[in-house]
C-alpha atoms as a PDB file:
ATOM      1  CA  MET A   1     -24.685 -20.960  -5.947  1.00  0.00           C
ATOM      2  CA  ASP A   2     -21.571 -20.257  -8.022  1.00  0.00           C
ATOM      3  CA  GLY A   3     -23.164 -16.995  -9.180  1.00  0.00           C
ATOM      4  CA  ALA A   4     -23.680 -15.799  -5.603  1.00  0.00           C
ATOM      5  CA  VAL A   5     -20.118 -16.739  -4.657  1.00  0.00           C
ATOM      6  CA  LEU A   6     -18.762 -15.036  -7.776  1.00  0.00           C
ATOM      7  CA  ALA A   7     -20.671 -11.820  -7.066  1.00  0.00           C
ATOM      8  CA  TRP A   8     -19.475 -11.842  -3.455  1.00  0.00           C
ATOM      9  CA  ALA A   9     -15.884 -12.554  -4.552  1.00  0.00           C
ATOM     10  CA  GLU A  10     -15.885  -9.732  -7.098  1.00  0.00           C
ATOM     11  CA  ARG A  11     -17.161  -7.262  -4.487  1.00  0.00           C
ATOM     12  CA  VAL A  12     -14.561  -8.414  -1.943  1.00  0.00           C
ATOM     13  CA  ALA A  13     -11.766  -8.139  -4.529  1.00  0.00           C
ATOM     14  CA  ARG A  14     -12.824  -4.576  -5.433  1.00  0.00           C
ATOM     15  CA  GLU A  15     -12.897  -3.537  -1.771  1.00  0.00           C
ATOM     16  CA  HIS A  16      -9.746  -5.420  -0.688  1.00  0.00           C
ATOM     17  CA  LEU A  17      -6.833  -5.011  -3.060  1.00  0.00           C
ATOM     18  CA  GLU A  18      -4.744  -7.311  -0.869  1.00  0.00           C
ATOM     19  CA  VAL A  19      -6.875 -10.305  -1.937  1.00  0.00           C
ATOM     20  CA  THR A  20      -5.273 -12.467  -4.618  1.00  0.00           C
ATOM     21  CA  ARG A  21      -7.597 -15.511  -4.815  1.00  0.00           C
ATOM     22  CA  ILE A  22     -11.067 -16.547  -3.677  1.00  0.00           C
ATOM     23  CA  GLY A  23     -12.617 -19.969  -4.020  1.00  0.00           C
ATOM     24  CA  HIS A  24     -14.992 -22.420  -2.434  1.00  0.00           C
ATOM     25  CA  PHE A  25     -14.533 -26.052  -1.513  1.00  0.00           C
ATOM     26  CA  GLY A  26     -16.213 -28.840   0.396  1.00  0.00           C
ATOM     27  CA  SER A  27     -19.723 -30.206   0.029  1.00  0.00           C
ATOM     28  CA  TYR A  28     -21.168 -27.193  -1.809  1.00  0.00           C
ATOM     29  CA  ALA A  29     -18.351 -27.227  -4.335  1.00  0.00           C
ATOM     30  CA  ARG A  30     -19.160 -30.899  -4.964  1.00  0.00           C
ATOM     31  CA  GLY A  31     -22.869 -30.122  -5.376  1.00  0.00           C
ATOM     32  CA  LEU A  32     -23.956 -31.805  -2.128  1.00  0.00           C
ATOM     33  CA  GLY A  33     -25.294 -28.781  -0.214  1.00  0.00           C
ATOM     34  CA  GLY A  34     -24.439 -28.109   3.416  1.00  0.00           C
ATOM     35  CA  VAL A  35     -22.337 -25.225   4.651  1.00  0.00           C
ATOM     36  CA  LEU A  36     -20.502 -23.200   2.040  1.00  0.00           C
ATOM     37  CA  ALA A  37     -16.742 -23.194   2.711  1.00  0.00           C
ATOM     38  CA  ILE A  38     -14.914 -20.200   1.234  1.00  0.00           C
ATOM     39  CA  VAL A  39     -11.171 -19.648   1.134  1.00  0.00           C
ATOM     40  CA  VAL A  40      -9.665 -16.190   0.637  1.00  0.00           C
ATOM     41  CA  VAL A  41      -5.936 -15.789  -0.026  1.00  0.00           C
ATOM     42  CA  GLY A  42      -4.175 -12.464   0.255  1.00  0.00           C
ATOM     43  CA  ARG A  43      -1.685 -10.344   2.123  1.00  0.00           C
ATOM     44  CA  SER A  44      -2.433  -9.864   5.808  1.00  0.00           C
ATOM     45  CA  ALA A  45      -0.443  -9.335   8.970  1.00  0.00           C
ATOM     46  CA  LYS A  46      -3.500  -9.909  11.177  1.00  0.00           C
ATOM     47  CA  PRO A  47      -3.743 -13.099  13.217  1.00  0.00           C
ATOM     48  CA  PHE A  48      -5.603 -15.869  11.363  1.00  0.00           C
ATOM     49  CA  ILE A  49      -8.501 -15.846  13.830  1.00  0.00           C
ATOM     50  CA  ARG A  50      -9.205 -12.134  13.148  1.00  0.00           C
ATOM     51  CA  ARG A  51      -8.984 -12.032   9.343  1.00  0.00           C
ATOM     52  CA  ALA A  52     -12.484 -13.284   8.474  1.00  0.00           C
ATOM     53  CA  ALA A  53     -14.091 -10.272  10.182  1.00  0.00           C
ATOM     54  CA  ASP A  54     -12.857  -8.127   7.279  1.00  0.00           C
ATOM     55  CA  PHE A  55     -14.997 -10.124   4.822  1.00  0.00           C
ATOM     56  CA  PRO A  56     -18.667 -10.166   5.887  1.00  0.00           C
ATOM     57  CA  CYS A  57     -20.533 -12.900   4.051  1.00  0.00           C
ATOM     58  CA  GLU A  58     -24.107 -12.374   5.266  1.00  0.00           C
ATOM     59  CA  GLU A  59     -25.233 -11.559   1.711  1.00  0.00           C
ATOM     60  CA  LEU A  60     -24.567 -15.148   0.614  1.00  0.00           C
ATOM     61  CA  PRO A  61     -27.765 -17.244   0.382  1.00  0.00           C
ATOM     62  CA  VAL A  62     -26.498 -20.002   2.710  1.00  0.00           C
ATOM     63  CA  PRO A  63     -24.339 -20.090   5.855  1.00  0.00           C
ATOM     64  CA  ALA A  64     -20.635 -19.869   5.050  1.00  0.00           C
ATOM     65  CA  ASP A  65     -17.409 -20.812   6.790  1.00  0.00           C
ATOM     66  CA  LEU A  66     -14.696 -18.384   5.792  1.00  0.00           C
ATOM     67  CA  LEU A  67     -10.973 -19.185   5.917  1.00  0.00           C
ATOM     68  CA  VAL A  68      -8.597 -16.315   5.186  1.00  0.00           C
ATOM     69  CA  TYR A  69      -4.980 -17.265   4.546  1.00  0.00           C
ATOM     70  CA  ASN A  70      -1.958 -15.203   3.701  1.00  0.00           C
ATOM     71  CA  SER A  71       0.316 -16.860   1.145  1.00  0.00           C
ATOM     72  CA  PRO A  72       2.994 -18.086   3.606  1.00  0.00           C
ATOM     73  CA  MET A  73       0.356 -19.663   5.850  1.00  0.00           C
ATOM     74  CA  ARG A  74      -1.317 -21.371   2.907  1.00  0.00           C
ATOM     75  CA  GLU A  75       2.025 -22.792   1.798  1.00  0.00           C
ATOM     76  CA  ARG A  76       2.580 -24.288   5.271  1.00  0.00           C
ATOM     77  CA  LEU A  77      -0.680 -26.250   5.262  1.00  0.00           C
ATOM     78  CA  GLN A  78      -0.087 -29.979   5.395  1.00  0.00           C
ATOM     79  CA  GLY A  79      -1.772 -33.313   5.042  1.00  0.00           C
ATOM     80  CA  LYS A  80      -5.311 -34.084   4.001  1.00  0.00           C
ATOM     81  CA  PHE A  81      -6.590 -30.534   4.378  1.00  0.00           C
ATOM     82  CA  ARG A  82      -3.884 -29.129   2.088  1.00  0.00           C
ATOM     83  CA  LYS A  83      -4.749 -31.720  -0.555  1.00  0.00           C
ATOM     84  CA  ARG A  84      -8.448 -30.906  -0.207  1.00  0.00           C
ATOM     85  CA  LEU A  85      -7.716 -27.207  -0.770  1.00  0.00           C
ATOM     86  CA  GLU A  86      -5.340 -27.861  -3.674  1.00  0.00           C
ATOM     87  CA  TRP A  87      -7.568 -30.290  -5.551  1.00  0.00           C
ATOM     88  CA  GLY A  88     -11.062 -29.487  -4.338  1.00  0.00           C
ATOM     89  CA  THR A  89     -11.240 -25.700  -4.489  1.00  0.00           C
ATOM     90  CA  ILE A  90     -13.216 -24.050  -7.243  1.00  0.00           C
ATOM     91  CA  TRP A  91     -11.410 -20.741  -7.675  1.00  0.00           C
ATOM     92  CA  VAL A  92     -13.882 -18.027  -8.681  1.00  0.00           C
ATOM     93  CA  TYR A  93     -11.515 -15.066  -8.483  1.00  0.00           C
ATOM     94  CA  GLU A  94      -7.806 -14.680  -9.172  1.00  0.00           C
ATOM     95  CA  ARG A  95      -6.158 -11.262  -9.337  1.00  0.00           C
ATOM     96  CA  SER A  96      -3.990 -10.840 -12.426  1.00  0.00           C
ATOM     97  CA  VAL A  97      -0.586  -9.222 -12.174  1.00  0.00           C
ATOM     98  CA  GLY A  98      -1.025  -5.502 -12.682  1.00  0.00           C
ATOM     99  CA  ARG A  99      -4.772  -5.653 -12.155  1.00  0.00           C
ATOM    100  CA  ASP A 100      -6.259  -2.971  -9.880  1.00  0.00           C
END
């Protein structure tokens, strides 16, 4: 599964230069199956509810929930969910400074 997520993440990063990080978390990240939960972090002025439409994920081999955060929104996350993202996300893509 990590290979499919990595390939998807690399394609998304090439097509969307505003993306800074991509990872997955939840039951798939822990090896338990279920729905794949993907988090994308990048610059966006779009409302949260509309951001995922920019990142089609039909090519992934399992159903996926996609959460797309801009950096300020990610920093404002609180409680259990923030901890789950901080400690449970397997980051498969991170844009380096100066990387195209």
